[in-house]
PDB file of N, CA and C in Angstrom:
ATOM      1  N   MET A   1       1.183  -1.343   0.453  1.00  0.00           N
ATOM      2  CA  MET A   1      -0.320   0.145  -0.295  1.00  0.00           C
ATOM      3  C   MET A   1       0.758   1.281   0.192  1.00  0.00           C
ATOM      4  N   ASN A   2       0.678   2.040  -0.612  1.00  0.00           N
ATOM      5  CA  ASN A   2       1.519   3.169  -1.129  1.00  0.00           C
ATOM      6  C   ASN A   2       0.723   3.971  -0.591  1.00  0.00           C
ATOM      7  N   LYS A   3       1.136   6.090  -0.059  1.00  0.00           N
ATOM      8  CA  LYS A   3       0.031   6.815  -0.208  1.00  0.00           C
ATOM      9  C   LYS A   3      -0.959   7.100  -0.497  1.00  0.00           C
ATOM     10  N   ALA A   4      -1.011   7.561  -1.603  1.00  0.00           N
ATOM     11  CA  ALA A   4      -2.257   7.323  -2.407  1.00  0.00           C
ATOM     12  C   ALA A   4      -3.732   6.550  -2.270  1.00  0.00           C
ATOM     13  N   ASP A   5      -3.114   4.837  -2.188  1.00  0.00           N
ATOM     14  CA  ASP A   5      -3.900   4.076  -1.433  1.00  0.00           C
ATOM     15  C   ASP A   5      -4.246   4.338   0.066  1.00  0.00           C
ATOM     16  N   LEU A   6      -3.449   4.700   0.549  1.00  0.00           N
ATOM     17  CA  LEU A   6      -3.977   4.720   1.999  1.00  0.00           C
ATOM     18  C   LEU A   6      -5.041   6.043   2.276  1.00  0.00           C
ATOM     19  N   VAL A   7      -4.737   7.228   0.891  1.00  0.00           N
ATOM     20  CA  VAL A   7      -5.731   7.998   1.442  1.00  0.00           C
ATOM     21  C   VAL A   7      -7.491   7.586   0.648  1.00  0.00           C
ATOM     22  N   ALA A   8      -7.003   6.745  -0.519  1.00  0.00           N
ATOM     23  CA  ALA A   8      -8.215   6.176  -0.903  1.00  0.00           C
ATOM     24  C   ALA A   8      -9.025   5.543  -0.015  1.00  0.00           C
ATOM     25  N   LYS A   9      -8.444   4.741   1.241  1.00  0.00           N
ATOM     26  CA  LYS A   9      -8.951   3.584   2.092  1.00  0.00           C
ATOM     27  C   LYS A   9      -9.204   4.401   2.796  1.00  0.00           C
ATOM     28  N   ILE A  10      -8.917   5.539   3.309  1.00  0.00           N
ATOM     29  CA  ILE A  10      -9.129   6.268   4.214  1.00  0.00           C
ATOM     30  C   ILE A  10     -10.231   7.297   4.044  1.00  0.00           C
ATOM     31  N   THR A  11     -10.141   7.702   2.652  1.00  0.00           N
ATOM     32  CA  THR A  11     -11.352   8.296   2.161  1.00  0.00           C
ATOM     33  C   THR A  11     -12.639   7.580   2.243  1.00  0.00           C
ATOM     34  N   LYS A  12     -12.779   6.232   1.909  1.00  0.00           N
ATOM     35  CA  LYS A  12     -13.600   5.353   1.830  1.00  0.00           C
ATOM     36  C   LYS A  12     -14.497   5.177   3.547  1.00  0.00           C
ATOM     37  N   ASP A  13     -13.359   4.528   4.130  1.00  0.00           N
ATOM     38  CA  ASP A  13     -13.678   4.076   5.513  1.00  0.00           C
ATOM     39  C   ASP A  13     -14.442   5.359   6.315  1.00  0.00           C
ATOM     40  N   ALA A  14     -14.047   6.674   6.154  1.00  0.00           N
ATOM     41  CA  ALA A  14     -13.894   7.435   6.799  1.00  0.00           C
ATOM     42  C   ALA A  14     -15.541   8.315   6.586  1.00  0.00           C
ATOM     43  N   GLY A  15     -15.342   8.123   5.558  1.00  0.00           N
ATOM     44  CA  GLY A  15     -16.298   9.328   4.869  1.00  0.00           C
ATOM     45  C   GLY A  15     -15.991  10.474   4.658  1.00  0.00           C
ATOM     46  N   LEU A  16     -14.572  10.495   4.148  1.00  0.00           N
ATOM     47  CA  LEU A  16     -13.955  11.877   4.381  1.00  0.00           C
ATOM     48  C   LEU A  16     -13.758  12.458   2.545  1.00  0.00           C
ATOM     49  N   THR A  17     -13.650  13.410   2.263  1.00  0.00           N
ATOM     50  CA  THR A  17     -13.203  14.018   0.602  1.00  0.00           C
ATOM     51  C   THR A  17     -11.818  13.372   0.428  1.00  0.00           C
ATOM     52  N   LYS A  18     -11.448  13.223  -0.733  1.00  0.00           N
ATOM     53  CA  LYS A  18     -10.396  12.859  -0.633  1.00  0.00           C
ATOM     54  C   LYS A  18      -9.145  13.915  -0.733  1.00  0.00           C
ATOM     55  N   THR A  19      -9.415  15.080  -0.481  1.00  0.00           N
ATOM     56  CA  THR A  19      -8.632  16.407  -0.288  1.00  0.00           C
ATOM     57  C   THR A  19      -8.436  16.304   1.552  1.00  0.00           C
ATOM     58  N   GLU A  20      -9.713  15.979   2.108  1.00  0.00           N
ATOM     59  CA  GLU A  20      -9.579  15.866   3.357  1.00  0.00           C
ATOM     60  C   GLU A  20      -8.610  14.847   4.490  1.00  0.00           C
ATOM     61  N   ALA A  21      -8.952  13.813   3.534  1.00  0.00           N
ATOM     62  CA  ALA A  21      -8.049  12.304   3.572  1.00  0.00           C
ATOM     63  C   ALA A  21      -6.568  12.716   3.649  1.00  0.00           C
ATOM     64  N   THR A  22      -6.599  13.156   2.080  1.00  0.00           N
ATOM     65  CA  THR A  22      -4.958  13.797   1.627  1.00  0.00           C
ATOM     66  C   THR A  22      -4.165  14.599   2.700  1.00  0.00           C
ATOM     67  N   LYS A  23      -5.093  15.391   3.170  1.00  0.00           N
ATOM     68  CA  LYS A  23      -4.998  16.609   4.406  1.00  0.00           C
ATOM     69  C   LYS A  23      -4.735  16.027   5.846  1.00  0.00           C
ATOM     70  N   ALA A  24      -5.181  15.121   6.148  1.00  0.00           N
ATOM     71  CA  ALA A  24      -5.417  14.036   7.228  1.00  0.00           C
ATOM     72  C   ALA A  24      -3.847  13.200   7.314  1.00  0.00           C
ATOM     73  N   VAL A  25      -3.591  12.460   6.104  1.00  0.00           N
ATOM     74  CA  VAL A  25      -2.412  11.843   6.108  1.00  0.00           C
ATOM     75  C   VAL A  25      -0.995  12.898   6.300  1.00  0.00           C
ATOM     76  N   ASN A  26      -1.091  13.984   5.467  1.00  0.00           N
ATOM     77  CA  ASN A  26       0.008  14.501   5.653  1.00  0.00           C
ATOM     78  C   ASN A  26       0.181  15.244   6.998  1.00  0.00           C
ATOM     79  N   ALA A  27      -1.121  15.668   7.779  1.00  0.00           N
ATOM     80  CA  ALA A  27      -1.092  15.864   9.222  1.00  0.00           C
ATOM     81  C   ALA A  27      -0.005  15.244   9.937  1.00  0.00           C
ATOM     82  N   PHE A  28      -0.574  14.126  10.070  1.00  0.00           N
ATOM     83  CA  PHE A  28      -0.168  12.754  10.930  1.00  0.00           C
ATOM     84  C   PHE A  28       1.321  12.638  10.696  1.00  0.00           C
ATOM     85  N   ILE A  29       1.498  12.283   8.966  1.00  0.00           N
ATOM     86  CA  ILE A  29       3.343  12.186   9.109  1.00  0.00           C
ATOM     87  C   ILE A  29       3.943  13.488   9.169  1.00  0.00           C
ATOM     88  N   GLU A  30       3.317  14.754   9.278  1.00  0.00           N
ATOM     89  CA  GLU A  30       3.997  16.015   9.637  1.00  0.00           C
ATOM     90  C   GLU A  30       4.616  16.223  11.355  1.00  0.00           C
ATOM     91  N   THR A  31       3.379  15.680  11.797  1.00  0.00           N
ATOM     92  CA  THR A  31       3.072  15.625  13.372  1.00  0.00           C
ATOM     93  C   THR A  31       4.153  14.828  13.859  1.00  0.00           C
ATOM     94  N   VAL A  32       4.186  13.402  13.097  1.00  0.00           N
ATOM     95  CA  VAL A  32       4.952  12.460  13.624  1.00  0.00           C
ATOM     96  C   VAL A  32       6.448  12.639  13.242  1.00  0.00           C
ATOM     97  N   THR A  33       6.836  13.721  12.154  1.00  0.00           N
ATOM     98  CA  THR A  33       8.462  13.733  11.877  1.00  0.00           C
ATOM     99  C   THR A  33       8.804  14.626  12.435  1.00  0.00           C
ATOM    100  N   ASP A  34       8.077  15.960  13.053  1.00  0.00           N
ATOM    101  CA  ASP A  34       8.335  17.159  14.000  1.00  0.00           C
ATOM    102  C   ASP A  34       8.506  16.743  15.321  1.00  0.00           C
ATOM    103  N   ALA A  35       7.726  15.863  15.988  1.00  0.00           N
ATOM    104  CA  ALA A  35       7.767  14.674  17.106  1.00  0.00           C
ATOM    105  C   ALA A  35       9.356  14.250  17.498  1.00  0.00           C
ATOM    106  N   LEU A  36       9.415  13.103  16.230  1.00  0.00           N
ATOM    107  CA  LEU A  36      10.750  13.115  16.090  1.00  0.00           C
ATOM    108  C   LEU A  36      12.314  13.628  16.065  1.00  0.00           C
ATOM    109  N   VAL A  37      12.130  14.387  15.516  1.00  0.00           N
ATOM    110  CA  VAL A  37      12.801  15.483  14.954  1.00  0.00           C
ATOM    111  C   VAL A  37      13.291  16.433  16.013  1.00  0.00           C
ATOM    112  N   LYS A  38      12.548  16.660  17.639  1.00  0.00           N
ATOM    113  CA  LYS A  38      12.677  16.996  18.717  1.00  0.00           C
ATOM    114  C   LYS A  38      12.891  16.320  19.714  1.00  0.00           C
ATOM    115  N   GLY A  39      13.017  14.743  18.990  1.00  0.00           N
ATOM    116  CA  GLY A  39      13.851  13.706  20.243  1.00  0.00           C
ATOM    117  C   GLY A  39      12.292  13.330  20.773  1.00  0.00           C
ATOM    118  N   GLU A  40      11.235  13.220  20.304  1.00  0.00           N
ATOM    119  CA  GLU A  40      10.002  12.795  21.527  1.00  0.00           C
ATOM    120  C   GLU A  40       9.488  11.660  20.862  1.00  0.00           C
ATOM    121  N   LYS A  41       9.057  10.820  21.856  1.00  0.00           N
ATOM    122  CA  LYS A  41       7.863   9.586  21.422  1.00  0.00           C
ATOM    123  C   LYS A  41       6.807   9.753  20.471  1.00  0.00           C
ATOM    124  N   VAL A  42       6.557   9.017  19.633  1.00  0.00           N
ATOM    125  CA  VAL A  42       4.547   8.734  19.348  1.00  0.00           C
ATOM    126  C   VAL A  42       4.381   7.710  19.795  1.00  0.00           C
ATOM    127  N   ILE A  43       3.430   7.722  20.854  1.00  0.00           N
ATOM    128  CA  ILE A  43       3.311   6.493  21.360  1.00  0.00           C
ATOM    129  C   ILE A  43       1.557   6.210  20.884  1.00  0.00           C
ATOM    130  N   LEU A  44       1.428   5.321  20.258  1.00  0.00           N
ATOM    131  CA  LEU A  44       0.005   5.039  19.570  1.00  0.00           C
ATOM    132  C   LEU A  44      -1.038   3.579  20.228  1.00  0.00           C
ATOM    133  N   VAL A  45      -1.052   3.941  21.809  1.00  0.00           N
ATOM    134  CA  VAL A  45      -1.524   2.272  22.323  1.00  0.00           C
ATOM    135  C   VAL A  45      -2.406   1.524  21.022  1.00  0.00           C
ATOM    136  N   GLY A  46      -1.745   0.138  20.994  1.00  0.00           N
ATOM    137  CA  GLY A  46      -2.428  -0.926  20.655  1.00  0.00           C
ATOM    138  C   GLY A  46      -1.599  -0.929  18.735  1.00  0.00           C
ATOM    139  N   PHE A  47      -0.844   0.019  18.607  1.00  0.00           N
ATOM    140  CA  PHE A  47      -0.566   0.234  17.191  1.00  0.00           C
ATOM    141  C   PHE A  47       1.064   0.302  17.137  1.00  0.00           C
ATOM    142  N   GLY A  48       1.701   0.879  18.099  1.00  0.00           N
ATOM    143  CA  GLY A  48       3.257   0.734  18.168  1.00  0.00           C
ATOM    144  C   GLY A  48       3.907   2.048  18.504  1.00  0.00           C
ATOM    145  N   THR A  49       5.114   2.382  18.568  1.00  0.00           N
ATOM    146  CA  THR A  49       5.715   3.336  18.953  1.00  0.00           C
ATOM    147  C   THR A  49       6.889   3.825  17.882  1.00  0.00           C
ATOM    148  N   PHE A  50       6.537   5.160  17.549  1.00  0.00           N
ATOM    149  CA  PHE A  50       7.941   5.997  17.025  1.00  0.00           C
ATOM    150  C   PHE A  50       8.820   6.556  18.147  1.00  0.00           C
ATOM    151  N   LYS A  51      10.049   6.376  17.323  1.00  0.00           N
ATOM    152  CA  LYS A  51      10.825   6.843  18.403  1.00  0.00           C
ATOM    153  C   LYS A  51      12.465   6.852  17.531  1.00  0.00           C
ATOM    154  N   VAL A  52      13.089   7.547  18.212  1.00  0.00           N
ATOM    155  CA  VAL A  52      14.581   7.903  17.515  1.00  0.00           C
ATOM    156  C   VAL A  52      15.361   7.217  18.115  1.00  0.00           C
ATOM    157  N   VAL A  53      16.305   6.412  17.266  1.00  0.00           N
ATOM    158  CA  VAL A  53      17.548   5.603  18.401  1.00  0.00           C
ATOM    159  C   VAL A  53      18.821   5.940  17.710  1.00  0.00           C
ATOM    160  N   GLU A  54      20.022   5.896  18.579  1.00  0.00           N
ATOM    161  CA  GLU A  54      21.145   6.620  18.399  1.00  0.00           C
ATOM    162  C   GLU A  54      21.748   5.108  17.813  1.00  0.00           C
ATOM    163  N   ARG A  55      22.391   5.166  16.834  1.00  0.00           N
ATOM    164  CA  ARG A  55      23.089   4.384  16.043  1.00  0.00           C
ATOM    165  C   ARG A  55      25.108   4.577  16.267  1.00  0.00           C
ATOM    166  N   LYS A  56      25.478   4.190  17.246  1.00  0.00           N
ATOM    167  CA  LYS A  56      26.953   4.388  17.668  1.00  0.00           C
ATOM    168  C   LYS A  56      28.067   4.462  16.623  1.00  0.00           C
ATOM    169  N   ALA A  57      29.056   4.813  16.742  1.00  0.00           N
ATOM    170  CA  ALA A  57      29.991   4.949  15.439  1.00  0.00           C
ATOM    171  C   ALA A  57      30.589   3.010  15.351  1.00  0.00           C
ATOM    172  N   ARG A  58      30.785   2.756  14.471  1.00  0.00           N
ATOM    173  CA  ARG A  58      31.454   1.560  14.028  1.00  0.00           C
ATOM    174  C   ARG A  58      32.634   1.462  12.954  1.00  0.00           C
ATOM    175  N   LYS A  59      32.970   0.107  12.866  1.00  0.00           N
ATOM    176  CA  LYS A  59      33.690   0.141  11.445  1.00  0.00           C
ATOM    177  C   LYS A  59      32.977  -1.008  10.660  1.00  0.00           C
ATOM    178  N   GLY A  60      32.731  -0.797   9.441  1.00  0.00           N
ATOM    179  CA  GLY A  60      31.959  -2.218   8.432  1.00  0.00           C
ATOM    180  C   GLY A  60      33.310  -1.987   7.320  1.00  0.00           C
ATOM    181  N   ARG A  61      32.607  -2.520   6.155  1.00  0.00           N
ATOM    182  CA  ARG A  61      33.357  -3.620   5.188  1.00  0.00           C
ATOM    183  C   ARG A  61      32.792  -2.799   3.928  1.00  0.00           C
ATOM    184  N   ASN A  62      33.841  -2.145   3.151  1.00  0.00           N
ATOM    185  CA  ASN A  62      33.244  -1.901   1.729  1.00  0.00           C
ATOM    186  C   ASN A  62      32.911  -3.058   0.683  1.00  0.00           C
ATOM    187  N   PRO A  63      31.974  -3.381   0.550  1.00  0.00           N
ATOM    188  CA  PRO A  63      31.803  -4.782  -0.061  1.00  0.00           C
ATOM    189  C   PRO A  63      32.356  -5.236  -1.372  1.00  0.00           C
ATOM    190  N   ARG A  64      32.656  -3.779  -2.613  1.00  0.00           N
ATOM    191  CA  ARG A  64      33.554  -3.976  -3.508  1.00  0.00           C
ATOM    192  C   ARG A  64      34.930  -4.395  -3.759  1.00  0.00           C
ATOM    193  N   THR A  65      35.465  -3.442  -2.053  1.00  0.00           N
ATOM    194  CA  THR A  65      37.472  -3.911  -2.046  1.00  0.00           C
ATOM    195  C   THR A  65      37.504  -4.477  -1.001  1.00  0.00           C
ATOM    196  N   GLY A  66      36.511  -4.412   0.083  1.00  0.00           N
ATOM    197  CA  GLY A  66      37.084  -5.463   1.110  1.00  0.00           C
ATOM    198  C   GLY A  66      37.760  -4.525   2.155  1.00  0.00           C
ATOM    199  N   GLU A  67      37.704  -3.037   1.661  1.00  0.00           N
ATOM    200  CA  GLU A  67      38.575  -2.441   2.518  1.00  0.00           C
ATOM    201  C   GLU A  67      37.469  -1.986   4.132  1.00  0.00           C
ATOM    202  N   THR A  68      38.407  -1.814   5.121  1.00  0.00           N
ATOM    203  CA  THR A  68      37.809  -1.369   6.281  1.00  0.00           C
ATOM    204  C   THR A  68      37.441   0.183   6.383  1.00  0.00           C
ATOM    205  N   ILE A  69      36.130   0.324   6.630  1.00  0.00           N
ATOM    206  CA  ILE A  69      35.575   1.791   6.662  1.00  0.00           C
ATOM    207  C   ILE A  69      35.156   2.115   8.023  1.00  0.00           C
ATOM    208  N   LYS A  70      35.072   3.190   8.267  1.00  0.00           N
ATOM    209  CA  LYS A  70      34.214   3.830   9.457  1.00  0.00           C
ATOM    210  C   LYS A  70      33.031   4.135   9.371  1.00  0.00           C
ATOM    211  N   ILE A  71      32.163   3.874  10.021  1.00  0.00           N
ATOM    212  CA  ILE A  71      30.760   4.561   9.703  1.00  0.00           C
ATOM    213  C   ILE A  71      30.685   5.385  11.122  1.00  0.00           C
ATOM    214  N   LYS A  72      30.030   6.523  10.566  1.00  0.00           N
ATOM    215  CA  LYS A  72      29.493   7.588  11.955  1.00  0.00           C
ATOM    216  C   LYS A  72      28.497   7.351  12.557  1.00  0.00           C
ATOM    217  N   ALA A  73      28.466   7.594  13.895  1.00  0.00           N
ATOM    218  CA  ALA A  73      27.355   7.360  14.616  1.00  0.00           C
ATOM    219  C   ALA A  73      26.344   8.411  13.955  1.00  0.00           C
ATOM    220  N   LYS A  74      24.766   7.864  14.277  1.00  0.00           N
ATOM    221  CA  LYS A  74      23.467   8.763  14.113  1.00  0.00           C
ATOM    222  C   LYS A  74      22.749   8.223  14.242  1.00  0.00           C
ATOM    223  N   LYS A  75      21.635   9.207  14.494  1.00  0.00           N
ATOM    224  CA  LYS A  75      20.271   9.003  14.639  1.00  0.00           C
ATOM    225  C   LYS A  75      19.268   8.673  13.533  1.00  0.00           C
ATOM    226  N   SER A  76      18.511   7.252  13.795  1.00  0.00           N
ATOM    227  CA  SER A  76      17.782   6.833  13.167  1.00  0.00           C
ATOM    228  C   SER A  76      15.941   6.948  13.794  1.00  0.00           C
ATOM    229  N   PRO A  77      15.233   7.405  12.783  1.00  0.00           N
ATOM    230  CA  PRO A  77      13.798   6.601  13.771  1.00  0.00           C
ATOM    231  C   PRO A  77      13.550   5.118  13.314  1.00  0.00           C
ATOM    232  N   LYS A  78      13.050   5.070  14.358  1.00  0.00           N
ATOM    233  CA  LYS A  78      12.342   3.156  14.104  1.00  0.00           C
ATOM    234  C   LYS A  78      10.847   3.197  15.008  1.00  0.00           C
ATOM    235  N   PHE A  79      10.485   2.261  14.302  1.00  0.00           N
ATOM    236  CA  PHE A  79       8.998   2.201  14.752  1.00  0.00           C
ATOM    237  C   PHE A  79       8.852   0.415  15.456  1.00  0.00           C
ATOM    238  N   VAL A  80       8.290   0.321  16.624  1.00  0.00           N
ATOM    239  CA  VAL A  80       8.260  -0.889  17.516  1.00  0.00           C
ATOM    240  C   VAL A  80       6.869  -1.039  17.338  1.00  0.00           C
ATOM    241  N   PRO A  81       5.941  -2.343  16.796  1.00  0.00           N
ATOM    242  CA  PRO A  81       4.533  -2.324  16.877  1.00  0.00           C
ATOM    243  C   PRO A  81       4.176  -2.553  18.434  1.00  0.00           C
ATOM    244  N   GLY A  82       2.870  -2.823  18.518  1.00  0.00           N
ATOM    245  CA  GLY A  82       2.595  -3.124  19.499  1.00  0.00           C
ATOM    246  C   GLY A  82       2.153  -4.533  19.589  1.00  0.00           C
ATOM    247  N   LYS A  83       1.461  -4.508  20.986  1.00  0.00           N
ATOM    248  CA  LYS A  83       0.970  -6.025  20.887  1.00  0.00           C
ATOM    249  C   LYS A  83      -0.122  -6.161  20.521  1.00  0.00           C
ATOM    250  N   ALA A  84      -0.907  -5.914  20.039  1.00  0.00           N
ATOM    251  CA  ALA A  84      -2.385  -5.844  19.471  1.00  0.00           C
ATOM    252  C   ALA A  84      -2.101  -5.968  17.605  1.00  0.00           C
ATOM    253  N   LEU A  85      -1.662  -4.935  17.253  1.00  0.00           N
ATOM    254  CA  LEU A  85      -0.531  -5.181  15.744  1.00  0.00           C
ATOM    255  C   LEU A  85      -0.154  -6.208  15.764  1.00  0.00           C
ATOM    256  N   LYS A  86       1.044  -6.546  16.464  1.00  0.00           N
ATOM    257  CA  LYS A  86       1.617  -8.114  16.628  1.00  0.00           C
ATOM    258  C   LYS A  86       0.760  -9.221  16.546  1.00  0.00           C
ATOM    259  N   GLU A  87      -0.042  -9.498  17.129  1.00  0.00           N
ATOM    260  CA  GLU A  87      -1.446 -10.199  17.499  1.00  0.00           C
ATOM    261  C   GLU A  87      -2.108 -10.410  15.970  1.00  0.00           C
ATOM    262  N   LYS A  88      -2.557  -9.225  15.404  1.00  0.00           N
ATOM    263  CA  LYS A  88      -3.487  -9.257  14.530  1.00  0.00           C
ATOM    264  C   LYS A  88      -2.360 -10.045  13.296  1.00  0.00           C
ATOM    265  N   VAL A  89      -1.146  -9.114  13.272  1.00  0.00           N
ATOM    266  CA  VAL A  89      -0.510  -9.621  12.064  1.00  0.00           C
ATOM    267  C   VAL A  89       0.257 -11.020  11.986  1.00  0.00           C
ATOM    268  N   ALA A  90       0.025 -11.730  12.948  1.00  0.00           N
ATOM    269  CA  ALA A  90       0.611 -13.344  13.353  1.00  0.00           C
ATOM    270  C   ALA A  90      -0.720 -14.324  13.229  1.00  0.00           C
ATOM    271  N   LYS A  91      -2.110 -13.464  13.580  1.00  0.00           N
ATOM    272  CA  LYS A  91      -2.670 -14.983  13.022  1.00  0.00           C
ATOM    273  C   LYS A  91      -2.644 -15.215  11.337  1.00  0.00           C
TER     274      LYS A  91
END
């Protein structure tokens, strides 16, 4: 499912216009992104948690040359599914 499919599904299920559904999806994405940039968690009970994790600097290997390289530390977004979501997917 891509963003257009998601908007179409929300339009149908929530009885919104396509424009309203698009605004809602965009607002959700923007809000989650802004919270993660601020270092906050976004917790949706039963669905999951969006959070930022810090990845430590490490050594890696260039697969083409086999040369050892340094990989810098960085922050990365992470999604951890909630219990209810895990159970529904597992069925």
